[in-house]
């Protein structure tokens, strides 16, 4: 895992830099001449967090998935479209399964749960 590194001489942050001659990754201080060889090649790691209470795999285009069941018994609260795809998934912190709906209108994609 990538972590911030600090200069052992002046305590400023070390920044990744490539040594073009040896083709190695270094961490270098911008204020003094201190450099150290990187022990890990991971420079940056982005962690995406989803809102709590919503499954991680819910995407706007999931309504186009032909394997999901569809219903015409509910209308979208956002655009009043008469068709929605639905699926069940566990909600974090709850024991029971939650029923999720996704509007099938391609320009809407609104999601809600029952």
PDB file of N, CA and C in Angstrom:
ATOM      1  N   UNK A   1       0.838  -1.180   0.000  1.00  0.00           N
ATOM      2  CA  UNK A   1       0.000   0.000   0.000  1.00  0.00           C
ATOM      3  C   UNK A   1       0.881   1.241   0.000  1.00  0.00           C
ATOM      4  N   UNK A   2       0.489   2.227  -0.751  1.00  0.00           N
ATOM      5  CA  UNK A   2       1.233   3.463  -0.871  1.00  0.00           C
ATOM      6  C   UNK A   2       1.032   4.328   0.372  1.00  0.00           C
ATOM      7  N   UNK A   3       2.122   4.930   0.848  1.00  0.00           N
ATOM      8  CA  UNK A   3       2.036   5.791   2.023  1.00  0.00           C
ATOM      9  C   UNK A   3       2.933   7.007   1.789  1.00  0.00           C
ATOM     10  N   UNK A   4       2.687   8.064   2.525  1.00  0.00           N
ATOM     11  CA  UNK A   4       3.532   9.247   2.437  1.00  0.00           C
ATOM     12  C   UNK A   4       4.907   8.932   3.015  1.00  0.00           C
ATOM     13  N   UNK A   5       5.942   9.450   2.354  1.00  0.00           N
ATOM     14  CA  UNK A   5       7.306   9.251   2.825  1.00  0.00           C
ATOM     15  C   UNK A   5       7.912  10.616   3.105  1.00  0.00           C
ATOM     16  N   UNK A   6       8.763  10.664   4.128  1.00  0.00           N
ATOM     17  CA  UNK A   6       9.358  11.925   4.541  1.00  0.00           C
ATOM     18  C   UNK A   6      10.878  11.819   4.571  1.00  0.00           C
ATOM     19  N   UNK A   7      11.517  12.923   4.289  1.00  0.00           N
ATOM     20  CA  UNK A   7      12.965  13.021   4.237  1.00  0.00           C
ATOM     21  C   UNK A   7      13.548  12.804   5.640  1.00  0.00           C
ATOM     22  N   UNK A   8      14.573  11.971   5.716  1.00  0.00           N
ATOM     23  CA  UNK A   8      15.208  11.712   7.014  1.00  0.00           C
ATOM     24  C   UNK A   8      16.149  12.841   7.423  1.00  0.00           C
ATOM     25  N   UNK A   9      16.465  13.753   6.509  1.00  0.00           N
ATOM     26  CA  UNK A   9      17.374  14.852   6.824  1.00  0.00           C
ATOM     27  C   UNK A   9      16.640  16.143   7.207  1.00  0.00           C
ATOM     28  N   UNK A  10      15.568  16.490   6.461  1.00  0.00           N
ATOM     29  CA  UNK A  10      14.895  17.771   6.719  1.00  0.00           C
ATOM     30  C   UNK A  10      13.399  17.625   7.023  1.00  0.00           C
ATOM     31  N   UNK A  11      12.882  16.405   7.040  1.00  0.00           N
ATOM     32  CA  UNK A  11      11.487  16.087   7.373  1.00  0.00           C
ATOM     33  C   UNK A  11      10.460  16.641   6.394  1.00  0.00           C
ATOM     34  N   UNK A  12      10.852  17.009   5.201  1.00  0.00           N
ATOM     35  CA  UNK A  12       9.896  17.397   4.163  1.00  0.00           C
ATOM     36  C   UNK A  12       9.435  16.146   3.426  1.00  0.00           C
ATOM     37  N   UNK A  13       8.331  16.274   2.708  1.00  0.00           N
ATOM     38  CA  UNK A  13       7.767  15.127   2.012  1.00  0.00           C
ATOM     39  C   UNK A  13       8.645  14.722   0.829  1.00  0.00           C
ATOM     40  N   UNK A  14       8.788  13.414   0.620  1.00  0.00           N
ATOM     41  CA  UNK A  14       9.514  12.878  -0.527  1.00  0.00           C
ATOM     42  C   UNK A  14       8.535  12.650  -1.669  1.00  0.00           C
ATOM     43  N   UNK A  15       8.979  12.964  -2.881  1.00  0.00           N
ATOM     44  CA  UNK A  15       8.140  12.825  -4.070  1.00  0.00           C
ATOM     45  C   UNK A  15       8.733  11.774  -4.991  1.00  0.00           C
ATOM     46  N   UNK A  16       7.890  11.011  -5.694  1.00  0.00           N
ATOM     47  CA  UNK A  16       8.418   9.987  -6.603  1.00  0.00           C
ATOM     48  C   UNK A  16       9.136  10.633  -7.780  1.00  0.00           C
ATOM     49  N   UNK A  17      10.237  10.006  -8.171  1.00  0.00           N
ATOM     50  CA  UNK A  17      11.026  10.481  -9.296  1.00  0.00           C
ATOM     51  C   UNK A  17      11.685   9.274  -9.946  1.00  0.00           C
ATOM     52  N   UNK A  18      11.833   9.300 -11.248  1.00  0.00           N
ATOM     53  CA  UNK A  18      12.463   8.201 -11.964  1.00  0.00           C
ATOM     54  C   UNK A  18      13.935   8.506 -12.190  1.00  0.00           C
ATOM     55  N   UNK A  19      14.774   7.515 -11.926  1.00  0.00           N
ATOM     56  CA  UNK A  19      16.178   7.614 -12.307  1.00  0.00           C
ATOM     57  C   UNK A  19      16.267   7.026 -13.699  1.00  0.00           C
ATOM     58  N   UNK A  20      16.418   7.888 -14.697  1.00  0.00           N
ATOM     59  CA  UNK A  20      16.350   7.458 -16.092  1.00  0.00           C
ATOM     60  C   UNK A  20      17.523   6.576 -16.494  1.00  0.00           C
ATOM     61  N   UNK A  21      18.682   6.725 -15.851  1.00  0.00           N
ATOM     62  CA  UNK A  21      19.843   5.911 -16.195  1.00  0.00           C
ATOM     63  C   UNK A  21      19.664   4.459 -15.744  1.00  0.00           C
ATOM     64  N   UNK A  22      19.217   4.281 -14.502  1.00  0.00           N
ATOM     65  CA  UNK A  22      19.054   2.922 -13.979  1.00  0.00           C
ATOM     66  C   UNK A  22      17.624   2.413 -14.107  1.00  0.00           C
ATOM     67  N   UNK A  23      16.722   3.297 -14.547  1.00  0.00           N
ATOM     68  CA  UNK A  23      15.306   2.962 -14.722  1.00  0.00           C
ATOM     69  C   UNK A  23      14.711   2.398 -13.424  1.00  0.00           C
ATOM     70  N   UNK A  24      14.941   3.122 -12.322  1.00  0.00           N
ATOM     71  CA  UNK A  24      14.391   2.742 -11.024  1.00  0.00           C
ATOM     72  C   UNK A  24      13.560   3.896 -10.479  1.00  0.00           C
ATOM     73  N   UNK A  25      12.670   3.548  -9.602  1.00  0.00           N
ATOM     74  CA  UNK A  25      11.830   4.548  -8.955  1.00  0.00           C
ATOM     75  C   UNK A  25      12.506   5.005  -7.674  1.00  0.00           C
ATOM     76  N   UNK A  26      12.612   6.327  -7.519  1.00  0.00           N
ATOM     77  CA  UNK A  26      13.216   6.923  -6.342  1.00  0.00           C
ATOM     78  C   UNK A  26      12.207   7.820  -5.657  1.00  0.00           C
ATOM     79  N   UNK A  27      12.424   8.057  -4.383  1.00  0.00           N
ATOM     80  CA  UNK A  27      11.708   9.103  -3.662  1.00  0.00           C
ATOM     81  C   UNK A  27      12.744  10.175  -3.343  1.00  0.00           C
ATOM     82  N   UNK A  28      12.482  11.407  -3.785  1.00  0.00           N
ATOM     83  CA  UNK A  28      13.456  12.480  -3.641  1.00  0.00           C
ATOM     84  C   UNK A  28      12.845  13.666  -2.908  1.00  0.00           C
ATOM     85  N   UNK A  29      13.685  14.328  -2.126  1.00  0.00           N
ATOM     86  CA  UNK A  29      13.287  15.535  -1.418  1.00  0.00           C
ATOM     87  C   UNK A  29      13.467  16.725  -2.361  1.00  0.00           C
ATOM     88  N   UNK A  30      12.548  17.671  -2.346  1.00  0.00           N
ATOM     89  CA  UNK A  30      12.645  18.839  -3.212  1.00  0.00           C
ATOM     90  C   UNK A  30      13.445  19.970  -2.563  1.00  0.00           C
ATOM     91  N   UNK A  31      13.827  19.803  -1.308  1.00  0.00           N
ATOM     92  CA  UNK A  31      14.525  20.870  -0.603  1.00  0.00           C
ATOM     93  C   UNK A  31      15.995  20.549  -0.347  1.00  0.00           C
ATOM     94  N   UNK A  32      16.317  19.289  -0.201  1.00  0.00           N
ATOM     95  CA  UNK A  32      17.718  18.899  -0.049  1.00  0.00           C
ATOM     96  C   UNK A  32      18.020  17.823  -1.089  1.00  0.00           C
ATOM     97  N   UNK A  33      19.197  17.275  -1.068  1.00  0.00           N
ATOM     98  CA  UNK A  33      19.609  16.302  -2.080  1.00  0.00           C
ATOM     99  C   UNK A  33      19.278  14.860  -1.719  1.00  0.00           C
ATOM    100  N   UNK A  34      18.536  14.646  -0.650  1.00  0.00           N
ATOM    101  CA  UNK A  34      18.248  13.290  -0.178  1.00  0.00           C
ATOM    102  C   UNK A  34      17.363  12.538  -1.175  1.00  0.00           C
ATOM    103  N   UNK A  35      17.755  11.294  -1.477  1.00  0.00           N
ATOM    104  CA  UNK A  35      16.978  10.388  -2.327  1.00  0.00           C
ATOM    105  C   UNK A  35      17.062   8.996  -1.725  1.00  0.00           C
ATOM    106  N   UNK A  36      16.011   8.216  -1.947  1.00  0.00           N
ATOM    107  CA  UNK A  36      16.043   6.816  -1.540  1.00  0.00           C
ATOM    108  C   UNK A  36      15.301   5.984  -2.567  1.00  0.00           C
ATOM    109  N   UNK A  37      15.759   4.761  -2.753  1.00  0.00           N
ATOM    110  CA  UNK A  37      15.145   3.851  -3.714  1.00  0.00           C
ATOM    111  C   UNK A  37      13.807   3.385  -3.156  1.00  0.00           C
ATOM    112  N   UNK A  38      12.801   3.362  -4.003  1.00  0.00           N
ATOM    113  CA  UNK A  38      11.459   2.954  -3.579  1.00  0.00           C
ATOM    114  C   UNK A  38      11.419   1.451  -3.352  1.00  0.00           C
ATOM    115  N   UNK A  39      10.844   1.063  -2.236  1.00  0.00           N
ATOM    116  CA  UNK A  39      10.707  -0.364  -1.939  1.00  0.00           C
ATOM    117  C   UNK A  39       9.458  -0.955  -2.596  1.00  0.00           C
ATOM    118  N   UNK A  40       8.523  -0.095  -2.962  1.00  0.00           N
ATOM    119  CA  UNK A  40       7.275  -0.524  -3.588  1.00  0.00           C
ATOM    120  C   UNK A  40       7.050   0.332  -4.827  1.00  0.00           C
ATOM    121  N   UNK A  41       6.572  -0.269  -5.912  1.00  0.00           N
ATOM    122  CA  UNK A  41       6.367   0.490  -7.149  1.00  0.00           C
ATOM    123  C   UNK A  41       5.009   1.166  -7.217  1.00  0.00           C
ATOM    124  N   UNK A  42       4.181   0.990  -6.202  1.00  0.00           N
ATOM    125  CA  UNK A  42       2.876   1.650  -6.167  1.00  0.00           C
ATOM    126  C   UNK A  42       3.064   3.074  -5.657  1.00  0.00           C
ATOM    127  N   UNK A  43       2.804   4.054  -6.541  1.00  0.00           N
ATOM    128  CA  UNK A  43       2.994   5.449  -6.181  1.00  0.00           C
ATOM    129  C   UNK A  43       1.693   6.065  -5.704  1.00  0.00           C
ATOM    130  N   UNK A  44       0.574   5.670  -6.317  1.00  0.00           N
ATOM    131  CA  UNK A  44      -0.706   6.278  -5.999  1.00  0.00           C
ATOM    132  C   UNK A  44      -1.775   5.209  -6.046  1.00  0.00           C
ATOM    133  N   UNK A  45      -2.640   5.213  -5.051  1.00  0.00           N
ATOM    134  CA  UNK A  45      -3.742   4.263  -5.010  1.00  0.00           C
ATOM    135  C   UNK A  45      -5.014   5.031  -4.731  1.00  0.00           C
ATOM    136  N   UNK A  46      -6.002   4.884  -5.597  1.00  0.00           N
ATOM    137  CA  UNK A  46      -7.269   5.582  -5.421  1.00  0.00           C
ATOM    138  C   UNK A  46      -8.319   4.599  -4.933  1.00  0.00           C
ATOM    139  N   UNK A  47      -8.945   4.928  -3.825  1.00  0.00           N
ATOM    140  CA  UNK A  47      -9.978   4.079  -3.247  1.00  0.00           C
ATOM    141  C   UNK A  47     -11.319   4.777  -3.462  1.00  0.00           C
ATOM    142  N   UNK A  48     -12.206   4.114  -4.166  1.00  0.00           N
ATOM    143  CA  UNK A  48     -13.534   4.666  -4.411  1.00  0.00           C
ATOM    144  C   UNK A  48     -14.477   4.184  -3.334  1.00  0.00           C
ATOM    145  N   UNK A  49     -15.204   5.093  -2.777  1.00  0.00           N
ATOM    146  CA  UNK A  49     -16.159   4.728  -1.727  1.00  0.00           C
ATOM    147  C   UNK A  49     -17.566   5.038  -2.209  1.00  0.00           C
ATOM    148  N   UNK A  50     -18.431   4.090  -2.000  1.00  0.00           N
ATOM    149  CA  UNK A  50     -19.837   4.238  -2.364  1.00  0.00           C
ATOM    150  C   UNK A  50     -20.621   4.664  -1.139  1.00  0.00           C
ATOM    151  N   UNK A  51     -21.764   5.319  -1.340  1.00  0.00           N
ATOM    152  CA  UNK A  51     -22.594   5.678  -0.186  1.00  0.00           C
ATOM    153  C   UNK A  51     -23.056   4.429   0.559  1.00  0.00           C
ATOM    154  N   UNK A  52     -23.143   4.528   1.871  1.00  0.00           N
ATOM    155  CA  UNK A  52     -23.614   3.395   2.667  1.00  0.00           C
ATOM    156  C   UNK A  52     -25.066   3.083   2.332  1.00  0.00           C
ATOM    157  N   UNK A  53     -25.423   1.840   2.440  1.00  0.00           N
ATOM    158  CA  UNK A  53     -26.803   1.439   2.213  1.00  0.00           C
ATOM    159  C   UNK A  53     -27.107   1.142   0.754  1.00  0.00           C
ATOM    160  N   UNK A  54     -26.113   1.224  -0.117  1.00  0.00           N
ATOM    161  CA  UNK A  54     -26.332   0.933  -1.528  1.00  0.00           C
ATOM    162  C   UNK A  54     -25.300  -0.105  -1.961  1.00  0.00           C
ATOM    163  N   UNK A  55     -25.714  -1.142  -2.685  1.00  0.00           N
ATOM    164  CA  UNK A  55     -24.751  -2.157  -3.104  1.00  0.00           C
ATOM    165  C   UNK A  55     -23.637  -1.535  -3.945  1.00  0.00           C
ATOM    166  N   UNK A  56     -22.440  -2.109  -3.853  1.00  0.00           N
ATOM    167  CA  UNK A  56     -21.288  -1.545  -4.545  1.00  0.00           C
ATOM    168  C   UNK A  56     -21.372  -1.687  -6.059  1.00  0.00           C
ATOM    169  N   UNK A  57     -22.149  -2.647  -6.536  1.00  0.00           N
ATOM    170  CA  UNK A  57     -22.171  -2.896  -7.973  1.00  0.00           C
ATOM    171  C   UNK A  57     -23.345  -2.243  -8.696  1.00  0.00           C
ATOM    172  N   UNK A  58     -24.031  -1.308  -8.063  1.00  0.00           N
ATOM    173  CA  UNK A  58     -25.143  -0.627  -8.724  1.00  0.00           C
ATOM    174  C   UNK A  58     -24.564   0.463  -9.616  1.00  0.00           C
ATOM    175  N   UNK A  59     -24.849   0.367 -10.897  1.00  0.00           N
ATOM    176  CA  UNK A  59     -24.383   1.351 -11.864  1.00  0.00           C
ATOM    177  C   UNK A  59     -25.566   1.914 -12.621  1.00  0.00           C
ATOM    178  N   UNK A  60     -25.361   3.060 -13.241  1.00  0.00           N
ATOM    179  CA  UNK A  60     -26.458   3.706 -13.944  1.00  0.00           C
ATOM    180  C   UNK A  60     -26.945   2.879 -15.142  1.00  0.00           C
ATOM    181  N   UNK A  61     -26.035   2.174 -15.818  1.00  0.00           N
ATOM    182  CA  UNK A  61     -26.410   1.413 -17.002  1.00  0.00           C
ATOM    183  C   UNK A  61     -26.841  -0.017 -16.686  1.00  0.00           C
ATOM    184  N   UNK A  62     -27.042  -0.340 -15.418  1.00  0.00           N
ATOM    185  CA  UNK A  62     -27.450  -1.692 -15.045  1.00  0.00           C
ATOM    186  C   UNK A  62     -28.858  -2.015 -15.559  1.00  0.00           C
ATOM    187  N   UNK A  63     -29.657  -1.004 -15.841  1.00  0.00           N
ATOM    188  CA  UNK A  63     -31.004  -1.242 -16.360  1.00  0.00           C
ATOM    189  C   UNK A  63     -30.965  -1.878 -17.751  1.00  0.00           C
ATOM    190  N   UNK A  64     -29.853  -1.749 -18.449  1.00  0.00           N
ATOM    191  CA  UNK A  64     -29.721  -2.357 -19.778  1.00  0.00           C
ATOM    192  C   UNK A  64     -29.334  -3.833 -19.702  1.00  0.00           C
ATOM    193  N   UNK A  65     -29.091  -4.336 -18.505  1.00  0.00           N
ATOM    194  CA  UNK A  65     -28.710  -5.737 -18.323  1.00  0.00           C
ATOM    195  C   UNK A  65     -29.907  -6.637 -18.628  1.00  0.00           C
ATOM    196  N   UNK A  66     -29.826  -7.467 -19.666  1.00  0.00           N
ATOM    197  CA  UNK A  66     -30.976  -8.307 -20.038  1.00  0.00           C
ATOM    198  C   UNK A  66     -31.254  -9.437 -19.049  1.00  0.00           C
ATOM    199  N   UNK A  67     -30.312  -9.729 -18.159  1.00  0.00           N
ATOM    200  CA  UNK A  67     -30.527 -10.821 -17.211  1.00  0.00           C
ATOM    201  C   UNK A  67     -31.328 -10.385 -15.980  1.00  0.00           C
ATOM    202  N   UNK A  68     -31.502  -9.086 -15.773  1.00  0.00           N
ATOM    203  CA  UNK A  68     -32.293  -8.621 -14.625  1.00  0.00           C
ATOM    204  C   UNK A  68     -33.783  -8.662 -14.942  1.00  0.00           C
ATOM    205  N   UNK A  69     -34.595  -9.069 -13.968  1.00  0.00           N
ATOM    206  CA  UNK A  69     -36.045  -9.043 -14.195  1.00  0.00           C
ATOM    207  C   UNK A  69     -36.546  -7.598 -14.254  1.00  0.00           C
ATOM    208  N   UNK A  70     -37.660  -7.423 -14.946  1.00  0.00           N
ATOM    209  CA  UNK A  70     -38.264  -6.094 -15.109  1.00  0.00           C
ATOM    210  C   UNK A  70     -39.717  -6.143 -14.654  1.00  0.00           C
ATOM    211  N   UNK A  71     -40.209  -4.990 -14.274  1.00  0.00           N
ATOM    212  CA  UNK A  71     -41.600  -4.896 -13.848  1.00  0.00           C
ATOM    213  C   UNK A  71     -42.225  -3.624 -14.396  1.00  0.00           C
ATOM    214  N   UNK A  72     -43.530  -3.694 -14.626  1.00  0.00           N
ATOM    215  CA  UNK A  72     -44.290  -2.522 -15.028  1.00  0.00           C
ATOM    216  C   UNK A  72     -45.277  -2.122 -13.922  1.00  0.00           C
ATOM    217  N   UNK A  73     -45.120  -2.732 -12.748  1.00  0.00           N
ATOM    218  CA  UNK A  73     -46.035  -2.437 -11.644  1.00  0.00           C
ATOM    219  C   UNK A  73     -45.578  -1.235 -10.810  1.00  0.00           C
ATOM    220  N   UNK A  74     -44.394  -0.706 -11.073  1.00  0.00           N
ATOM    221  CA  UNK A  74     -43.920   0.500 -10.375  1.00  0.00           C
ATOM    222  C   UNK A  74     -43.528   1.542 -11.407  1.00  0.00           C
ATOM    223  N   UNK A  75     -43.646   2.792 -11.020  1.00  0.00           N
ATOM    224  CA  UNK A  75     -43.233   3.900 -11.887  1.00  0.00           C
ATOM    225  C   UNK A  75     -42.060   4.617 -11.239  1.00  0.00           C
ATOM    226  N   UNK A  76     -41.180   5.148 -12.069  1.00  0.00           N
ATOM    227  CA  UNK A  76     -40.032   5.904 -11.580  1.00  0.00           C
ATOM    228  C   UNK A  76     -40.520   7.185 -10.915  1.00  0.00           C
ATOM    229  N   UNK A  77     -39.974   7.465  -9.729  1.00  0.00           N
ATOM    230  CA  UNK A  77     -40.359   8.684  -9.015  1.00  0.00           C
ATOM    231  C   UNK A  77     -39.780   9.925  -9.694  1.00  0.00           C
ATOM    232  N   UNK A  78     -38.724   9.733 -10.471  1.00  0.00           N
ATOM    233  CA  UNK A  78     -38.018  10.851 -11.083  1.00  0.00           C
ATOM    234  C   UNK A  78     -38.632  11.279 -12.417  1.00  0.00           C
ATOM    235  N   UNK A  79     -38.901  10.292 -13.311  1.00  0.00           N
ATOM    236  CA  UNK A  79     -39.371  10.642 -14.659  1.00  0.00           C
ATOM    237  C   UNK A  79     -40.722  10.024 -15.009  1.00  0.00           C
ATOM    238  N   UNK A  80     -41.309   9.250 -14.097  1.00  0.00           N
ATOM    239  CA  UNK A  80     -42.611   8.610 -14.296  1.00  0.00           C
ATOM    240  C   UNK A  80     -42.599   7.538 -15.390  1.00  0.00           C
ATOM    241  N   UNK A  81     -41.418   6.986 -15.703  1.00  0.00           N
ATOM    242  CA  UNK A  81     -41.304   5.909 -16.693  1.00  0.00           C
ATOM    243  C   UNK A  81     -41.980   4.656 -16.136  1.00  0.00           C
ATOM    244  N   UNK A  82     -42.740   3.909 -16.968  1.00  0.00           N
ATOM    245  CA  UNK A  82     -43.537   2.785 -16.457  1.00  0.00           C
ATOM    246  C   UNK A  82     -42.781   1.470 -16.269  1.00  0.00           C
ATOM    247  N   UNK A  83     -41.479   1.421 -16.526  1.00  0.00           N
ATOM    248  CA  UNK A  83     -40.760   0.151 -16.423  1.00  0.00           C
ATOM    249  C   UNK A  83     -39.493   0.330 -15.589  1.00  0.00           C
ATOM    250  N   UNK A  84     -39.212  -0.686 -14.747  1.00  0.00           N
ATOM    251  CA  UNK A  84     -38.006  -0.653 -13.921  1.00  0.00           C
ATOM    252  C   UNK A  84     -37.430  -2.057 -13.810  1.00  0.00           C
ATOM    253  N   UNK A  85     -36.108  -2.151 -13.812  1.00  0.00           N
ATOM    254  CA  UNK A  85     -35.428  -3.408 -13.519  1.00  0.00           C
ATOM    255  C   UNK A  85     -35.278  -3.488 -12.002  1.00  0.00           C
ATOM    256  N   UNK A  86     -35.199  -4.704 -11.474  1.00  0.00           N
ATOM    257  CA  UNK A  86     -35.075  -4.829 -10.027  1.00  0.00           C
ATOM    258  C   UNK A  86     -34.201  -6.018  -9.657  1.00  0.00           C
ATOM    259  N   UNK A  87     -33.640  -5.965  -8.451  1.00  0.00           N
ATOM    260  CA  UNK A  87     -32.859  -7.070  -7.899  1.00  0.00           C
ATOM    261  C   UNK A  87     -32.835  -6.935  -6.387  1.00  0.00           C
ATOM    262  N   UNK A  88     -32.461  -8.014  -5.715  1.00  0.00           N
ATOM    263  CA  UNK A  88     -32.350  -8.025  -4.265  1.00  0.00           C
ATOM    264  C   UNK A  88     -30.882  -8.115  -3.876  1.00  0.00           C
ATOM    265  N   UNK A  89     -30.529  -7.390  -2.820  1.00  0.00           N
ATOM    266  CA  UNK A  89     -29.156  -7.430  -2.309  1.00  0.00           C
ATOM    267  C   UNK A  89     -29.190  -7.131  -0.820  1.00  0.00           C
ATOM    268  N   UNK A  90     -28.216  -7.653  -0.083  1.00  0.00           N
ATOM    269  CA  UNK A  90     -28.163  -7.334   1.350  1.00  0.00           C
ATOM    270  C   UNK A  90     -27.723  -5.888   1.547  1.00  0.00           C
ATOM    271  N   UNK A  91     -28.296  -5.251   2.540  1.00  0.00           N
ATOM    272  CA  UNK A  91     -27.929  -3.887   2.879  1.00  0.00           C
ATOM    273  C   UNK A  91     -27.024  -3.934   4.095  1.00  0.00           C
ATOM    274  N   UNK A  92     -25.973  -3.153   4.067  1.00  0.00           N
ATOM    275  CA  UNK A  92     -25.012  -3.163   5.174  1.00  0.00           C
ATOM    276  C   UNK A  92     -25.708  -2.777   6.474  1.00  0.00           C
ATOM    277  N   UNK A  93     -25.497  -3.575   7.483  1.00  0.00           N
ATOM    278  CA  UNK A  93     -26.069  -3.303   8.795  1.00  0.00           C
ATOM    279  C   UNK A  93     -27.463  -3.876   8.991  1.00  0.00           C
ATOM    280  N   UNK A  94     -28.023  -4.498   7.977  1.00  0.00           N
ATOM    281  CA  UNK A  94     -29.357  -5.088   8.103  1.00  0.00           C
ATOM    282  C   UNK A  94     -29.271  -6.584   7.839  1.00  0.00           C
ATOM    283  N   UNK A  95     -30.186  -7.338   8.430  1.00  0.00           N
ATOM    284  CA  UNK A  95     -30.213  -8.782   8.264  1.00  0.00           C
ATOM    285  C   UNK A  95     -30.935  -9.189   6.981  1.00  0.00           C
ATOM    286  N   UNK A  96     -31.997  -8.467   6.632  1.00  0.00           N
ATOM    287  CA  UNK A  96     -32.849  -8.856   5.512  1.00  0.00           C
ATOM    288  C   UNK A  96     -32.303  -8.337   4.186  1.00  0.00           C
ATOM    289  N   UNK A  97     -32.825  -8.883   3.117  1.00  0.00           N
ATOM    290  CA  UNK A  97     -32.487  -8.434   1.772  1.00  0.00           C
ATOM    291  C   UNK A  97     -33.331  -7.203   1.437  1.00  0.00           C
ATOM    292  N   UNK A  98     -32.777  -6.323   0.626  1.00  0.00           N
ATOM    293  CA  UNK A  98     -33.480  -5.113   0.200  1.00  0.00           C
ATOM    294  C   UNK A  98     -33.750  -5.206  -1.286  1.00  0.00           C
ATOM    295  N   UNK A  99     -34.919  -4.770  -1.711  1.00  0.00           N
ATOM    296  CA  UNK A  99     -35.304  -4.786  -3.118  1.00  0.00           C
ATOM    297  C   UNK A  99     -34.933  -3.441  -3.741  1.00  0.00           C
ATOM    298  N   UNK A 100     -34.066  -3.474  -4.749  1.00  0.00           N
ATOM    299  CA  UNK A 100     -33.612  -2.271  -5.448  1.00  0.00           C
ATOM    300  C   UNK A 100     -34.264  -2.183  -6.819  1.00  0.00           C
ATOM    301  N   UNK A 101     -34.663  -0.974  -7.208  1.00  0.00           N
ATOM    302  CA  UNK A 101     -35.243  -0.717  -8.528  1.00  0.00           C
ATOM    303  C   UNK A 101     -34.353   0.261  -9.279  1.00  0.00           C
ATOM    304  N   UNK A 102     -34.246   0.074 -10.600  1.00  0.00           N
ATOM    305  CA  UNK A 102     -33.511   0.983 -11.471  1.00  0.00           C
ATOM    306  C   UNK A 102     -34.411   1.330 -12.643  1.00  0.00           C
ATOM    307  N   UNK A 103     -34.623   2.611 -12.877  1.00  0.00           N
ATOM    308  CA  UNK A 103     -35.471   3.062 -13.976  1.00  0.00           C
ATOM    309  C   UNK A 103     -34.885   2.601 -15.303  1.00  0.00           C
ATOM    310  N   UNK A 104     -35.729   2.082 -16.197  1.00  0.00           N
ATOM    311  CA  UNK A 104     -35.283   1.592 -17.494  1.00  0.00           C
ATOM    312  C   UNK A 104     -35.212   2.689 -18.552  1.00  0.00           C
ATOM    313  N   UNK A 105     -35.591   3.896 -18.198  1.00  0.00           N
ATOM    314  CA  UNK A 105     -35.464   5.025 -19.127  1.00  0.00           C
ATOM    315  C   UNK A 105     -33.970   5.347 -19.248  1.00  0.00           C
ATOM    316  N   UNK A 106     -33.375   5.224 -20.465  1.00  0.00           N
ATOM    317  CA  UNK A 106     -31.931   5.440 -20.615  1.00  0.00           C
ATOM    318  C   UNK A 106     -31.473   6.845 -20.219  1.00  0.00           C
ATOM    319  N   UNK A 107     -32.339   7.822 -20.328  1.00  0.00           N
ATOM    320  CA  UNK A 107     -31.931   9.181 -19.985  1.00  0.00           C
ATOM    321  C   UNK A 107     -32.104   9.474 -18.484  1.00  0.00           C
ATOM    322  N   UNK A 108     -32.693   8.540 -17.738  1.00  0.00           N
ATOM    323  CA  UNK A 108     -32.932   8.771 -16.313  1.00  0.00           C
ATOM    324  C   UNK A 108     -31.985   7.951 -15.443  1.00  0.00           C
ATOM    325  N   UNK A 109     -32.203   6.628 -15.388  1.00  0.00           N
ATOM    326  CA  UNK A 109     -31.357   5.748 -14.584  1.00  0.00           C
ATOM    327  C   UNK A 109     -31.518   5.919 -13.086  1.00  0.00           C
ATOM    328  N   UNK A 110     -32.619   6.508 -12.648  1.00  0.00           N
ATOM    329  CA  UNK A 110     -32.852   6.732 -11.207  1.00  0.00           C
ATOM    330  C   UNK A 110     -32.903   5.404 -10.470  1.00  0.00           C
ATOM    331  N   UNK A 111     -32.347   5.368  -9.243  1.00  0.00           N
ATOM    332  CA  UNK A 111     -32.347   4.157  -8.421  1.00  0.00           C
ATOM    333  C   UNK A 111     -33.091   4.443  -7.131  1.00  0.00           C
ATOM    334  N   UNK A 112     -33.839   3.456  -6.677  1.00  0.00           N
ATOM    335  CA  UNK A 112     -34.502   3.562  -5.379  1.00  0.00           C
ATOM    336  C   UNK A 112     -34.681   2.173  -4.812  1.00  0.00           C
ATOM    337  N   UNK A 113     -35.017   2.108  -3.538  1.00  0.00           N
ATOM    338  CA  UNK A 113     -35.233   0.806  -2.909  1.00  0.00           C
ATOM    339  C   UNK A 113     -36.588   0.757  -2.264  1.00  0.00           C
ATOM    340  N   UNK A 114     -37.095  -0.450  -2.139  1.00  0.00           N
ATOM    341  CA  UNK A 114     -38.434  -0.662  -1.596  1.00  0.00           C
ATOM    342  C   UNK A 114     -38.345  -0.961  -0.128  1.00  0.00           C
TER     343      UNK A 114
END
